[in-house]
Protein backbone atom coordinates (compact mmCIF):
# COMPACT_ATOMS: atom_id res chain seq x y z
CA UNK A 1 120.05 -187.09 -240.24
CA UNK A 2 121.85 -184.30 -238.02
CA UNK A 3 119.27 -185.29 -234.95
CA UNK A 4 119.78 -188.99 -235.33
CA UNK A 5 123.48 -189.39 -235.67
CA UNK A 6 124.22 -185.99 -233.48
CA UNK A 7 126.10 -184.50 -236.23
CA UNK A 8 128.57 -181.85 -235.42
CA UNK A 9 129.38 -181.25 -239.05
CA UNK A 10 127.71 -181.53 -242.59
CA UNK A 11 129.80 -181.61 -245.54
CA UNK A 12 128.31 -182.50 -248.99
CA UNK A 13 130.01 -182.78 -252.37
CA UNK A 14 127.25 -180.04 -254.31
CA UNK A 15 128.93 -180.17 -257.73
CA UNK A 16 125.64 -181.40 -259.50
CA UNK A 17 122.86 -179.40 -257.42
CA UNK A 18 122.06 -177.37 -260.13
CA UNK A 19 119.91 -179.50 -262.46
CA UNK A 20 122.39 -181.93 -262.72
CA UNK A 21 125.48 -180.07 -263.60
CA UNK A 22 127.37 -177.13 -261.68
CA UNK A 23 126.32 -175.06 -258.85
CA UNK A 24 124.69 -171.59 -258.66
CA UNK A 25 124.55 -169.07 -255.68
CA UNK A 26 120.99 -169.76 -254.95
CA UNK A 27 121.63 -173.75 -254.91
CA UNK A 28 124.60 -172.99 -252.53
CA UNK A 29 121.95 -171.34 -250.30
CA UNK A 30 119.82 -173.88 -250.48
CA UNK A 31 121.97 -176.36 -249.32
CA UNK A 32 123.32 -174.12 -246.43
CA UNK A 33 119.63 -173.41 -245.14
CA UNK A 34 119.04 -177.31 -245.11
CA UNK A 35 121.75 -177.67 -242.74
CA UNK A 36 124.85 -178.14 -244.60
CA UNK A 37 128.05 -176.75 -243.25
CA UNK A 38 130.37 -176.82 -246.25
CA UNK A 39 130.25 -177.52 -250.07
CA UNK A 40 133.52 -179.66 -251.93
CA UNK A 41 132.86 -179.99 -255.92
CA UNK A 42 134.70 -181.50 -258.85
CA UNK A 43 134.91 -181.51 -262.66
CA UNK A 44 131.50 -179.61 -262.97
CA UNK A 45 132.13 -176.70 -260.66
CA UNK A 46 132.50 -174.61 -263.59
CA UNK A 47 129.83 -175.47 -265.53
CA UNK A 48 127.49 -172.33 -264.56
CA UNK A 49 129.87 -169.60 -265.89
CA UNK A 50 127.96 -166.89 -263.57
CA UNK A 51 128.95 -169.05 -260.53
CA UNK A 52 132.88 -167.97 -260.43
CA UNK A 53 132.64 -164.79 -258.70
CA UNK A 54 130.39 -166.63 -255.84
CA UNK A 55 133.17 -169.40 -255.98
CA UNK A 56 135.83 -166.96 -255.78
CA UNK A 57 134.32 -164.91 -252.82
CA UNK A 58 132.84 -167.94 -250.79
CA UNK A 59 134.43 -169.53 -247.66
CA UNK A 60 132.19 -172.33 -247.52
CA UNK A 61 132.35 -173.82 -251.14
CA UNK A 62 135.65 -175.07 -252.54
CA UNK A 63 136.70 -176.39 -256.04
CA UNK A 64 139.25 -178.96 -256.36
CA UNK A 65 143.10 -177.98 -255.08
CA UNK A 66 144.51 -179.12 -258.43
CA UNK A 67 143.16 -177.24 -260.92
CA UNK A 68 145.46 -175.03 -262.91
CA UNK A 69 146.48 -171.59 -260.44
CA UNK A 70 144.55 -168.80 -261.10
CA UNK A 71 141.17 -169.92 -261.81
CA UNK A 72 138.50 -168.59 -259.43
CA UNK A 73 137.93 -170.35 -255.59
CA UNK A 74 140.40 -172.24 -253.33
CA UNK A 75 140.97 -176.12 -253.17
CA UNK A 76 140.66 -176.15 -249.21
CA UNK A 77 138.69 -174.47 -246.48
CA UNK A 78 137.88 -174.49 -242.95
CA UNK A 79 134.65 -174.57 -240.92
CA UNK A 80 133.88 -174.92 -237.26
CA UNK A 81 132.57 -178.12 -235.71
CA UNK A 82 131.78 -176.58 -231.94
CA UNK A 83 134.96 -175.33 -230.91
CA UNK A 84 136.78 -177.84 -233.19
CA UNK A 85 138.09 -176.25 -236.43
CA UNK A 86 137.89 -178.99 -239.26
CA UNK A 87 139.87 -178.45 -242.54
CA UNK A 88 138.56 -179.52 -245.57
CA UNK A 89 140.80 -180.14 -249.02
CA UNK A 90 139.33 -181.16 -252.35
CA UNK A 91 141.30 -183.02 -255.31
CA UNK A 92 140.53 -184.25 -258.66
CA UNK A 93 141.48 -187.63 -259.99
CA UNK A 94 143.36 -187.49 -263.24
CA UNK A 95 142.44 -190.86 -264.49
CA UNK A 96 139.47 -190.72 -267.16
CA UNK A 97 139.25 -187.42 -265.97
CA UNK A 98 139.20 -183.93 -267.05
CA UNK A 99 142.90 -182.64 -267.37
CA UNK A 100 144.37 -181.23 -263.98
CA UNK A 101 147.61 -181.30 -262.26
CA UNK A 102 148.68 -184.50 -260.04
CA UNK A 103 146.69 -184.63 -256.92
CA UNK A 104 149.54 -186.54 -255.16
CA UNK A 105 151.95 -183.24 -255.61
CA UNK A 106 149.39 -180.42 -255.49
CA UNK A 107 147.89 -182.13 -251.94
CA UNK A 108 151.63 -181.77 -249.99
CA UNK A 109 151.59 -177.80 -249.61
CA UNK A 110 147.72 -177.88 -249.16
CA UNK A 111 147.86 -180.48 -246.40
CA UNK A 112 150.68 -179.03 -244.87
CA UNK A 113 149.17 -175.38 -244.51
CA UNK A 114 145.83 -176.73 -243.30
CA UNK A 115 147.77 -178.91 -240.46
CA UNK A 116 149.07 -175.61 -239.40
CA UNK A 117 145.82 -174.52 -238.26
CA UNK A 118 144.07 -177.97 -237.18
CA UNK A 119 144.54 -181.82 -237.20
CA UNK A 120 141.18 -182.65 -238.04
CA UNK A 121 141.12 -182.97 -241.73
CA UNK A 122 138.96 -184.55 -244.63
CA UNK A 123 139.75 -185.05 -248.01
CA UNK A 124 137.05 -185.24 -250.79
CA UNK A 125 138.94 -187.04 -253.77
CA UNK A 126 136.83 -186.65 -256.55
CA UNK A 127 137.91 -189.23 -259.05
CA UNK A 128 136.90 -192.10 -261.30
CA UNK A 129 139.13 -194.91 -260.48
CA UNK A 130 138.83 -196.72 -257.61
CA UNK A 131 142.64 -197.46 -257.62
CA UNK A 132 143.28 -193.69 -257.49
CA UNK A 133 141.04 -193.02 -254.36
CA UNK A 134 142.66 -195.69 -252.57
CA UNK A 135 145.94 -194.85 -253.32
CA UNK A 136 145.77 -191.17 -252.11
CA UNK A 137 144.01 -192.85 -249.26
CA UNK A 138 147.33 -195.14 -248.66
CA UNK A 139 149.25 -191.90 -248.77
CA UNK A 140 147.42 -189.73 -246.66
CA UNK A 141 146.61 -192.75 -243.74
CA UNK A 142 147.64 -191.16 -240.27
CA UNK A 143 147.93 -187.86 -241.69
CA UNK A 144 144.44 -186.82 -242.06
CA UNK A 145 141.13 -187.74 -240.07
CA UNK A 146 139.30 -189.28 -243.17
CA UNK A 147 139.63 -189.21 -247.27
CA UNK A 148 136.48 -190.20 -248.92
CA UNK A 149 135.56 -190.43 -252.91
CA UNK A 150 133.18 -188.79 -254.85
CA UNK A 151 132.49 -188.60 -258.61
CA UNK A 152 131.17 -192.12 -259.55
CA UNK A 153 127.35 -191.72 -258.08
CA UNK A 154 127.59 -195.23 -256.72
CA UNK A 155 128.14 -195.92 -253.08
CA UNK A 156 130.98 -198.72 -252.11
CA UNK A 157 130.71 -200.73 -249.25
CA UNK A 158 134.75 -200.68 -248.29
CA UNK A 159 134.01 -198.19 -245.47
CA UNK A 160 136.90 -198.93 -242.94
CA UNK A 161 139.61 -197.39 -240.58
CA UNK A 162 142.95 -197.62 -242.09
CA UNK A 163 146.08 -199.02 -240.25
CA UNK A 164 147.09 -195.49 -238.97
CA UNK A 165 143.86 -194.14 -237.94
CA UNK A 166 142.42 -192.61 -240.77
CA UNK A 167 139.15 -193.33 -242.18
CA UNK A 168 138.01 -194.29 -246.04
CA UNK A 169 135.63 -194.89 -248.37
CA UNK A 170 136.16 -195.14 -252.01
CA UNK A 171 132.82 -193.35 -252.74
CA UNK A 172 130.12 -191.87 -250.96
CA UNK A 173 127.52 -192.42 -253.29
CA UNK A 174 124.47 -190.38 -255.01
CA UNK A 175 121.78 -188.51 -252.66
CA UNK A 176 119.27 -188.25 -255.85
CA UNK A 177 117.02 -190.20 -258.06
CA UNK A 178 117.11 -194.03 -258.05
CA UNK A 179 115.52 -194.48 -261.46
CA UNK A 180 117.36 -193.40 -264.66
CA UNK A 181 121.46 -193.74 -265.30
CA UNK A 182 123.12 -192.33 -262.36
CA UNK A 183 120.30 -189.71 -261.61
CA UNK A 184 119.72 -189.11 -265.02
CA UNK A 185 116.55 -189.57 -267.48
CA UNK A 186 117.84 -192.90 -269.05
CA UNK A 187 116.43 -192.15 -272.92
CA UNK A 188 119.22 -189.48 -273.67
CA UNK A 189 121.79 -191.59 -271.88
CA UNK A 190 121.04 -194.85 -273.70
CA UNK A 191 120.86 -192.88 -277.00
CA UNK A 192 124.40 -192.06 -276.57
CA UNK A 193 125.69 -195.41 -275.43
CA UNK A 194 123.91 -196.81 -277.96
CA UNK A 195 123.68 -194.79 -281.06
CA UNK A 196 126.35 -191.86 -280.36
CA UNK A 197 123.77 -188.95 -280.22
CA UNK A 198 124.53 -186.45 -277.71
CA UNK A 199 121.25 -185.25 -276.76
CA UNK A 200 121.07 -183.11 -273.41
CA UNK A 201 120.67 -185.04 -270.26
CA UNK A 202 118.11 -184.21 -267.84
CA UNK A 203 117.35 -184.86 -264.02
CA UNK A 204 115.49 -187.75 -263.56
CA UNK A 205 112.18 -186.33 -262.01
CA UNK A 206 109.72 -189.31 -261.52
CA UNK A 207 110.28 -192.67 -259.40
CA UNK A 208 111.92 -193.26 -255.93
CA UNK A 209 115.09 -191.26 -254.32
CA UNK A 210 118.07 -192.46 -252.61
CA UNK A 211 119.80 -190.97 -249.65
CA UNK A 212 123.63 -191.86 -249.53
CA UNK A 213 126.24 -190.41 -246.69
CA UNK A 214 128.60 -191.58 -243.98
CA UNK A 215 129.21 -190.85 -240.69
CA UNK A 216 132.33 -190.77 -238.74
CA UNK A 217 133.61 -190.18 -235.14
CA UNK A 218 136.73 -187.97 -234.63
CA UNK A 219 139.13 -187.94 -231.57
CA UNK A 220 139.78 -183.90 -231.56
CA UNK A 221 143.10 -184.16 -229.67
CA UNK A 222 144.92 -186.87 -232.22
CA UNK A 223 142.85 -185.93 -235.12
CA UNK A 224 142.23 -189.31 -236.01
CA UNK A 225 139.14 -191.21 -236.73
CA UNK A 226 137.56 -193.59 -234.11
CA UNK A 227 134.73 -194.94 -236.11
CA UNK A 228 132.83 -194.93 -239.45
CA UNK A 229 129.23 -196.03 -241.07
CA UNK A 230 128.43 -195.89 -244.12
CA UNK A 231 124.21 -194.91 -244.66
CA UNK A 232 122.21 -195.54 -247.91
CA UNK A 233 118.30 -195.20 -247.89
CA UNK A 234 116.74 -196.71 -250.97
CA UNK A 235 113.19 -196.20 -252.09
CA UNK A 236 112.74 -192.55 -250.85
CA UNK A 237 109.40 -191.71 -252.04
């Protein structure tokens, strides 16, 4: 994909890489070795307790900025794409999500700090509700380069350039198993829905895989997006 689309910078949301829940130092390294440049996350970022020291020290893995003050990690970071500095901000929604601070309020001082260093800014909105992601997109239109949603594991078909030049998609989608239920083996998920049984979820091992992503083109002078392309490959063996 990097070769095919001439990718200058690859950013992934990696919060479910470690067996379906959380991140580890090893799985982070595996992503970086595969060609990933930067990792964002979400509500599963602290699932692996021993990951906290790595998260605190890393300048390539971030957690949502609207977690309470004092928790390990940072809510934004920077990555180089050639001679262009890319700022990346991560926030988490509050609708049907774990308790966190107001992303609309928290992102303002964070964005102000990031814009002091670069005008190419990407925002990962890790949220359940479509309306909350769209609303953040509207607030940030013309102020950042790209607003994209994560968390639902289902790619949306609403990629577009907003009126003031910010690229937007409600959810990038999931890269992983196509079978089961959003990447997990169906049996335990069905048991929870149908009977209220809380069996441990496991990643679907069999069946085909899928690859979801979005490619944007950016004018580094203005920081505005000039093109957005959605990628969805299903049926990968």
